[in-house]
């Protein structure tokens, strides 16, 4: 595993590469991020960003979504895949937010996990981006893959294990933005199908690159 000096070096280099360590999903209201994240499951952020403007324009408030039926939402999100389940989750979560949380997106893991369609990944994203909770880790596919290559984790593909390992080694105040930067790096340089190792400035601290060189 990496030393604290190596971890800090990786964090700082990512900050240099991607100064704006923010979520790729576009939103204006807290609940919009919640629902955009639900839509992003098995779908690209780019596609979600194409879909949500019309959805949130025609259902401009949480009340409007809560008063809708899933069938009303389905046409807007059809291209995101699994649209029936996602529409149901959006409508039922809207109702729960109004009935149990005064229309506000809750700020604890326990409360967030009670909402339809919300798992740990979504909950951590909300805790980090909306509530600015230190120490949260959004273990998405880019983050899982690249932190394993770097040697920040043991290479596990299990999101829960990766989350636990990254929580233990990352500075709490950096972890949320670090995960966003992992996504950006995974799209720009360390791509799953063809990583651009020769042009990756994380090479000095990358266990995968070091082992490939030795081989």
C-alpha atoms as a PDB file:
ATOM      1  CA  UNK A   1       0.000   0.000   0.000  1.00  0.00           C
ATOM      2  CA  UNK A   2       1.063   3.606  -0.455  1.00  0.00           C
ATOM      3  CA  UNK A   3       2.785   5.834   2.056  1.00  0.00           C
ATOM      4  CA  UNK A   4       1.099   9.025   3.207  1.00  0.00           C
ATOM      5  CA  UNK A   5       3.645  10.999   1.157  1.00  0.00           C
ATOM      6  CA  UNK A   6       2.734   9.077  -2.007  1.00  0.00           C
ATOM      7  CA  UNK A   7      -0.977   9.480  -1.354  1.00  0.00           C
ATOM      8  CA  UNK A   8      -0.597  13.216  -0.866  1.00  0.00           C
ATOM      9  CA  UNK A   9       1.438  13.432  -4.068  1.00  0.00           C
ATOM     10  CA  UNK A  10      -1.324  11.672  -6.023  1.00  0.00           C
ATOM     11  CA  UNK A  11      -3.970  13.945  -4.485  1.00  0.00           C
ATOM     12  CA  UNK A  12      -1.986  17.078  -5.361  1.00  0.00           C
ATOM     13  CA  UNK A  13      -1.259  15.971  -8.918  1.00  0.00           C
ATOM     14  CA  UNK A  14      -4.953  15.255  -9.502  1.00  0.00           C
ATOM     15  CA  UNK A  15      -5.788  18.713  -8.154  1.00  0.00           C
ATOM     16  CA  UNK A  16      -3.310  20.203 -10.629  1.00  0.00           C
ATOM     17  CA  UNK A  17      -4.774  18.212 -13.517  1.00  0.00           C
ATOM     18  CA  UNK A  18      -8.411  18.806 -12.628  1.00  0.00           C
ATOM     19  CA  UNK A  19      -8.737  21.968 -10.529  1.00  0.00           C
ATOM     20  CA  UNK A  20     -12.523  21.764 -10.569  1.00  0.00           C
ATOM     21  CA  UNK A  21     -13.099  18.452  -8.827  1.00  0.00           C
ATOM     22  CA  UNK A  22     -16.851  18.506  -9.268  1.00  0.00           C
ATOM     23  CA  UNK A  23     -19.569  16.094 -10.232  1.00  0.00           C
ATOM     24  CA  UNK A  24     -20.195  15.714 -13.967  1.00  0.00           C
ATOM     25  CA  UNK A  25     -23.948  15.634 -13.465  1.00  0.00           C
ATOM     26  CA  UNK A  26     -25.656  18.987 -13.998  1.00  0.00           C
ATOM     27  CA  UNK A  27     -28.225  20.175 -11.476  1.00  0.00           C
ATOM     28  CA  UNK A  28     -29.591  23.264  -9.747  1.00  0.00           C
ATOM     29  CA  UNK A  29     -31.478  21.829  -6.767  1.00  0.00           C
ATOM     30  CA  UNK A  30     -30.320  19.240  -4.258  1.00  0.00           C
ATOM     31  CA  UNK A  31     -33.036  16.756  -5.140  1.00  0.00           C
ATOM     32  CA  UNK A  32     -32.167  17.116  -8.832  1.00  0.00           C
ATOM     33  CA  UNK A  33     -28.706  15.718  -8.108  1.00  0.00           C
ATOM     34  CA  UNK A  34     -30.307  12.864  -6.186  1.00  0.00           C
ATOM     35  CA  UNK A  35     -32.478  11.930  -9.150  1.00  0.00           C
ATOM     36  CA  UNK A  36     -29.791  12.552 -11.756  1.00  0.00           C
ATOM     37  CA  UNK A  37     -27.554  10.134  -9.877  1.00  0.00           C
ATOM     38  CA  UNK A  38     -30.327   7.538  -9.904  1.00  0.00           C
ATOM     39  CA  UNK A  39     -30.660   7.995 -13.656  1.00  0.00           C
ATOM     40  CA  UNK A  40     -26.911   7.557 -14.126  1.00  0.00           C
ATOM     41  CA  UNK A  41     -27.015   3.904 -13.042  1.00  0.00           C
ATOM     42  CA  UNK A  42     -26.030   1.838 -16.099  1.00  0.00           C
ATOM     43  CA  UNK A  43     -26.034   5.076 -18.093  1.00  0.00           C
ATOM     44  CA  UNK A  44     -23.529   7.801 -18.951  1.00  0.00           C
ATOM     45  CA  UNK A  45     -23.536  11.179 -17.238  1.00  0.00           C
ATOM     46  CA  UNK A  46     -23.585  12.741 -20.694  1.00  0.00           C
ATOM     47  CA  UNK A  47     -26.870  11.036 -21.513  1.00  0.00           C
ATOM     48  CA  UNK A  48     -28.372  11.986 -18.149  1.00  0.00           C
ATOM     49  CA  UNK A  49     -27.437  15.630 -18.728  1.00  0.00           C
ATOM     50  CA  UNK A  50     -29.285  15.500 -22.042  1.00  0.00           C
ATOM     51  CA  UNK A  51     -32.412  14.090 -20.398  1.00  0.00           C
ATOM     52  CA  UNK A  52     -32.802  16.030 -17.152  1.00  0.00           C
ATOM     53  CA  UNK A  53     -33.413  19.562 -18.521  1.00  0.00           C
ATOM     54  CA  UNK A  54     -36.758  18.565 -20.044  1.00  0.00           C
ATOM     55  CA  UNK A  55     -37.687  16.444 -17.037  1.00  0.00           C
ATOM     56  CA  UNK A  56     -37.028  19.211 -14.513  1.00  0.00           C
ATOM     57  CA  UNK A  57     -38.578  21.838 -16.773  1.00  0.00           C
ATOM     58  CA  UNK A  58     -41.876  20.008 -17.078  1.00  0.00           C
ATOM     59  CA  UNK A  59     -41.798  18.906 -13.423  1.00  0.00           C
ATOM     60  CA  UNK A  60     -40.243  22.066 -11.938  1.00  0.00           C
ATOM     61  CA  UNK A  61     -40.779  21.277  -8.256  1.00  0.00           C
ATOM     62  CA  UNK A  62     -40.553  18.333  -5.923  1.00  0.00           C
ATOM     63  CA  UNK A  63     -44.305  18.629  -5.474  1.00  0.00           C
ATOM     64  CA  UNK A  64     -44.838  18.260  -9.220  1.00  0.00           C
ATOM     65  CA  UNK A  65     -42.805  15.056  -9.282  1.00  0.00           C
ATOM     66  CA  UNK A  66     -44.596  13.739  -6.198  1.00  0.00           C
ATOM     67  CA  UNK A  67     -47.986  14.361  -7.793  1.00  0.00           C
ATOM     68  CA  UNK A  68     -46.975  12.548 -10.988  1.00  0.00           C
ATOM     69  CA  UNK A  69     -47.306   8.863 -11.694  1.00  0.00           C
ATOM     70  CA  UNK A  70     -44.275   6.853 -12.810  1.00  0.00           C
ATOM     71  CA  UNK A  71     -45.877   6.519 -16.239  1.00  0.00           C
ATOM     72  CA  UNK A  72     -45.769  10.324 -16.547  1.00  0.00           C
ATOM     73  CA  UNK A  73     -42.010  10.384 -15.973  1.00  0.00           C
ATOM     74  CA  UNK A  74     -41.067   7.378 -18.095  1.00  0.00           C
ATOM     75  CA  UNK A  75     -41.065   9.112 -21.524  1.00  0.00           C
ATOM     76  CA  UNK A  76     -38.551  11.703 -20.328  1.00  0.00           C
ATOM     77  CA  UNK A  77     -36.004   9.145 -19.131  1.00  0.00           C
ATOM     78  CA  UNK A  78     -36.589   6.291 -21.553  1.00  0.00           C
ATOM     79  CA  UNK A  79     -33.124   6.607 -23.118  1.00  0.00           C
ATOM     80  CA  UNK A  80     -31.398   6.182 -19.735  1.00  0.00           C
ATOM     81  CA  UNK A  81     -32.315   2.507 -19.532  1.00  0.00           C
ATOM     82  CA  UNK A  82     -34.288   0.704 -16.817  1.00  0.00           C
ATOM     83  CA  UNK A  83     -36.683   3.625 -17.191  1.00  0.00           C
ATOM     84  CA  UNK A  84     -39.642   1.998 -15.460  1.00  0.00           C
ATOM     85  CA  UNK A  85     -37.750   1.271 -12.254  1.00  0.00           C
ATOM     86  CA  UNK A  86     -36.052   4.670 -12.318  1.00  0.00           C
ATOM     87  CA  UNK A  87     -39.309   6.554 -12.880  1.00  0.00           C
ATOM     88  CA  UNK A  88     -40.924   4.698 -10.002  1.00  0.00           C
ATOM     89  CA  UNK A  89     -38.003   5.501  -7.703  1.00  0.00           C
ATOM     90  CA  UNK A  90     -38.046   9.203  -8.643  1.00  0.00           C
ATOM     91  CA  UNK A  91     -41.774   9.587  -8.006  1.00  0.00           C
ATOM     92  CA  UNK A  92     -41.837   7.573  -4.776  1.00  0.00           C
ATOM     93  CA  UNK A  93     -38.680   9.258  -3.449  1.00  0.00           C
ATOM     94  CA  UNK A  94     -40.252  12.655  -4.161  1.00  0.00           C
ATOM     95  CA  UNK A  95     -43.247  11.700  -2.090  1.00  0.00           C
ATOM     96  CA  UNK A  96     -41.085  10.434   0.762  1.00  0.00           C
ATOM     97  CA  UNK A  97     -38.952  13.587   0.748  1.00  0.00           C
ATOM     98  CA  UNK A  98     -42.081  15.689   1.153  1.00  0.00           C
ATOM     99  CA  UNK A  99     -43.836  13.452   3.658  1.00  0.00           C
ATOM    100  CA  UNK A 100     -40.902  12.558   5.914  1.00  0.00           C
ATOM    101  CA  UNK A 101     -38.141  15.110   5.311  1.00  0.00           C
ATOM    102  CA  UNK A 102     -39.978  18.407   4.778  1.00  0.00           C
ATOM    103  CA  UNK A 103     -38.932  18.459   1.150  1.00  0.00           C
ATOM    104  CA  UNK A 104     -35.207  18.471   1.966  1.00  0.00           C
ATOM    105  CA  UNK A 105     -32.623  15.901   0.963  1.00  0.00           C
ATOM    106  CA  UNK A 106     -31.479  14.305   4.237  1.00  0.00           C
ATOM    107  CA  UNK A 107     -27.890  14.529   5.384  1.00  0.00           C
ATOM    108  CA  UNK A 108     -27.246  11.135   6.955  1.00  0.00           C
ATOM    109  CA  UNK A 109     -26.406   7.814   5.360  1.00  0.00           C
ATOM    110  CA  UNK A 110     -29.162   6.070   7.298  1.00  0.00           C
ATOM    111  CA  UNK A 111     -31.867   8.466   6.106  1.00  0.00           C
ATOM    112  CA  UNK A 112     -30.659   8.555   2.507  1.00  0.00           C
ATOM    113  CA  UNK A 113     -30.640   4.768   2.240  1.00  0.00           C
ATOM    114  CA  UNK A 114     -34.327   4.734   3.115  1.00  0.00           C
ATOM    115  CA  UNK A 115     -35.171   6.567  -0.104  1.00  0.00           C
ATOM    116  CA  UNK A 116     -36.253   4.391  -3.045  1.00  0.00           C
ATOM    117  CA  UNK A 117     -33.403   3.639  -5.429  1.00  0.00           C
ATOM    118  CA  UNK A 118     -30.670   5.087  -3.208  1.00  0.00           C
ATOM    119  CA  UNK A 119     -27.609   2.958  -2.447  1.00  0.00           C
ATOM    120  CA  UNK A 120     -24.315   3.821  -0.789  1.00  0.00           C
ATOM    121  CA  UNK A 121     -22.803   5.316  -3.943  1.00  0.00           C
ATOM    122  CA  UNK A 122     -25.663   7.776  -4.385  1.00  0.00           C
ATOM    123  CA  UNK A 123     -25.834   8.493  -0.666  1.00  0.00           C
ATOM    124  CA  UNK A 124     -22.110   9.257  -0.494  1.00  0.00           C
ATOM    125  CA  UNK A 125     -22.380  11.555  -3.495  1.00  0.00           C
ATOM    126  CA  UNK A 126     -25.169  13.512  -1.805  1.00  0.00           C
ATOM    127  CA  UNK A 127     -23.321  13.644   1.502  1.00  0.00           C
ATOM    128  CA  UNK A 128     -20.220  14.988  -0.224  1.00  0.00           C
ATOM    129  CA  UNK A 129     -21.633  17.353  -2.832  1.00  0.00           C
ATOM    130  CA  UNK A 130     -24.745  18.618  -1.062  1.00  0.00           C
ATOM    131  CA  UNK A 131     -23.862  18.404   2.615  1.00  0.00           C
ATOM    132  CA  UNK A 132     -20.046  18.686   2.292  1.00  0.00           C
ATOM    133  CA  UNK A 133     -19.475  15.843   4.738  1.00  0.00           C
ATOM    134  CA  UNK A 134     -15.749  15.084   5.146  1.00  0.00           C
ATOM    135  CA  UNK A 135     -14.449  11.601   4.459  1.00  0.00           C
ATOM    136  CA  UNK A 136     -17.065  10.404   1.990  1.00  0.00           C
ATOM    137  CA  UNK A 137     -15.971   8.123  -0.833  1.00  0.00           C
ATOM    138  CA  UNK A 138     -17.989   7.616  -4.007  1.00  0.00           C
ATOM    139  CA  UNK A 139     -16.735   4.247  -5.228  1.00  0.00           C
ATOM    140  CA  UNK A 140     -17.814   4.336  -8.860  1.00  0.00           C
ATOM    141  CA  UNK A 141     -16.314   2.124 -11.562  1.00  0.00           C
ATOM    142  CA  UNK A 142     -13.547   4.603 -12.502  1.00  0.00           C
ATOM    143  CA  UNK A 143     -12.582   5.088  -8.870  1.00  0.00           C
ATOM    144  CA  UNK A 144     -12.535   1.350  -8.161  1.00  0.00           C
ATOM    145  CA  UNK A 145     -10.449   0.557 -11.218  1.00  0.00           C
ATOM    146  CA  UNK A 146      -7.897   3.374 -11.047  1.00  0.00           C
ATOM    147  CA  UNK A 147      -7.262   3.285  -7.302  1.00  0.00           C
ATOM    148  CA  UNK A 148      -6.584  -0.439  -7.697  1.00  0.00           C
ATOM    149  CA  UNK A 149      -4.074   0.249 -10.476  1.00  0.00           C
ATOM    150  CA  UNK A 150      -2.413   2.993  -8.447  1.00  0.00           C
ATOM    151  CA  UNK A 151      -2.106   0.702  -5.432  1.00  0.00           C
ATOM    152  CA  UNK A 152      -4.284   2.803  -3.152  1.00  0.00           C
ATOM    153  CA  UNK A 153      -6.481  -0.268  -2.677  1.00  0.00           C
ATOM    154  CA  UNK A 154      -5.797  -3.984  -2.907  1.00  0.00           C
ATOM    155  CA  UNK A 155      -7.495  -4.206  -6.302  1.00  0.00           C
ATOM    156  CA  UNK A 156     -10.842  -5.356  -4.973  1.00  0.00           C
ATOM    157  CA  UNK A 157     -13.813  -4.762  -7.271  1.00  0.00           C
ATOM    158  CA  UNK A 158     -16.230  -4.673  -4.351  1.00  0.00           C
ATOM    159  CA  UNK A 159     -17.461  -1.068  -3.876  1.00  0.00           C
ATOM    160  CA  UNK A 160     -17.894  -1.501  -0.126  1.00  0.00           C
ATOM    161  CA  UNK A 161     -14.340  -2.753   0.357  1.00  0.00           C
ATOM    162  CA  UNK A 162     -12.895  -0.026  -1.860  1.00  0.00           C
ATOM    163  CA  UNK A 163     -14.849   2.622   0.009  1.00  0.00           C
ATOM    164  CA  UNK A 164     -13.513   1.341   3.332  1.00  0.00           C
ATOM    165  CA  UNK A 165      -9.914   1.204   2.104  1.00  0.00           C
ATOM    166  CA  UNK A 166     -10.019   4.701   0.600  1.00  0.00           C
ATOM    167  CA  UNK A 167     -11.638   6.149   3.710  1.00  0.00           C
ATOM    168  CA  UNK A 168      -8.704   4.778   5.666  1.00  0.00           C
ATOM    169  CA  UNK A 169      -5.988   6.334   3.495  1.00  0.00           C
ATOM    170  CA  UNK A 170      -7.332   9.539   1.934  1.00  0.00           C
ATOM    171  CA  UNK A 171      -7.338  12.871   3.767  1.00  0.00           C
ATOM    172  CA  UNK A 172     -11.020  13.325   4.788  1.00  0.00           C
ATOM    173  CA  UNK A 173     -11.176  16.869   3.435  1.00  0.00           C
ATOM    174  CA  UNK A 174      -9.967  15.668   0.018  1.00  0.00           C
ATOM    175  CA  UNK A 175     -11.816  12.383  -0.456  1.00  0.00           C
ATOM    176  CA  UNK A 176     -14.995  13.610  -2.139  1.00  0.00           C
ATOM    177  CA  UNK A 177     -13.243  15.756  -4.755  1.00  0.00           C
ATOM    178  CA  UNK A 178     -10.614  13.027  -5.182  1.00  0.00           C
ATOM    179  CA  UNK A 179     -13.338  10.634  -6.327  1.00  0.00           C
ATOM    180  CA  UNK A 180     -14.668  13.170  -8.830  1.00  0.00           C
ATOM    181  CA  UNK A 181     -11.140  13.613 -10.166  1.00  0.00           C
ATOM    182  CA  UNK A 182     -10.813   9.838 -10.535  1.00  0.00           C
ATOM    183  CA  UNK A 183     -13.820   9.919 -12.848  1.00  0.00           C
ATOM    184  CA  UNK A 184     -12.310  12.757 -14.880  1.00  0.00           C
ATOM    185  CA  UNK A 185      -8.967  10.961 -15.096  1.00  0.00           C
ATOM    186  CA  UNK A 186     -10.674   7.739 -16.123  1.00  0.00           C
ATOM    187  CA  UNK A 187     -12.353   9.499 -19.020  1.00  0.00           C
ATOM    188  CA  UNK A 188      -9.383  11.571 -20.138  1.00  0.00           C
ATOM    189  CA  UNK A 189      -6.312   9.401 -19.563  1.00  0.00           C
ATOM    190  CA  UNK A 190      -6.694   6.128 -17.662  1.00  0.00           C
ATOM    191  CA  UNK A 191      -9.432   4.755 -19.892  1.00  0.00           C
ATOM    192  CA  UNK A 192     -10.614   1.229 -19.206  1.00  0.00           C
ATOM    193  CA  UNK A 193     -10.109  -0.115 -22.729  1.00  0.00           C
ATOM    194  CA  UNK A 194      -6.948   1.785 -23.607  1.00  0.00           C
ATOM    195  CA  UNK A 195      -5.159   3.572 -20.750  1.00  0.00           C
ATOM    196  CA  UNK A 196      -2.741   6.230 -21.942  1.00  0.00           C
ATOM    197  CA  UNK A 197       0.078   5.308 -19.572  1.00  0.00           C
ATOM    198  CA  UNK A 198       2.845   7.129 -21.507  1.00  0.00           C
ATOM    199  CA  UNK A 199       1.039  10.446 -21.012  1.00  0.00           C
ATOM    200  CA  UNK A 200      -0.202   9.832 -17.482  1.00  0.00           C
ATOM    201  CA  UNK A 201       1.481  12.090 -14.939  1.00  0.00           C
ATOM    202  CA  UNK A 202       0.473   9.728 -12.130  1.00  0.00           C
ATOM    203  CA  UNK A 203       3.070   7.218 -13.365  1.00  0.00           C
ATOM    204  CA  UNK A 204       5.620   7.939 -10.599  1.00  0.00           C
ATOM    205  CA  UNK A 205       3.183   6.616  -7.997  1.00  0.00           C
ATOM    206  CA  UNK A 206       1.332   3.979 -10.029  1.00  0.00           C
ATOM    207  CA  UNK A 207       1.873   0.381  -8.950  1.00  0.00           C
ATOM    208  CA  UNK A 208       0.511  -0.963 -12.225  1.00  0.00           C
ATOM    209  CA  UNK A 209       2.914   1.130 -14.309  1.00  0.00           C
ATOM    210  CA  UNK A 210       5.859   0.164 -12.097  1.00  0.00           C
ATOM    211  CA  UNK A 211       5.113  -3.548 -12.380  1.00  0.00           C
ATOM    212  CA  UNK A 212       4.695  -3.274 -16.162  1.00  0.00           C
ATOM    213  CA  UNK A 213       8.088  -1.583 -16.436  1.00  0.00           C
ATOM    214  CA  UNK A 214       9.761  -4.292 -14.338  1.00  0.00           C
ATOM    215  CA  UNK A 215       8.223  -6.990 -16.516  1.00  0.00           C
END
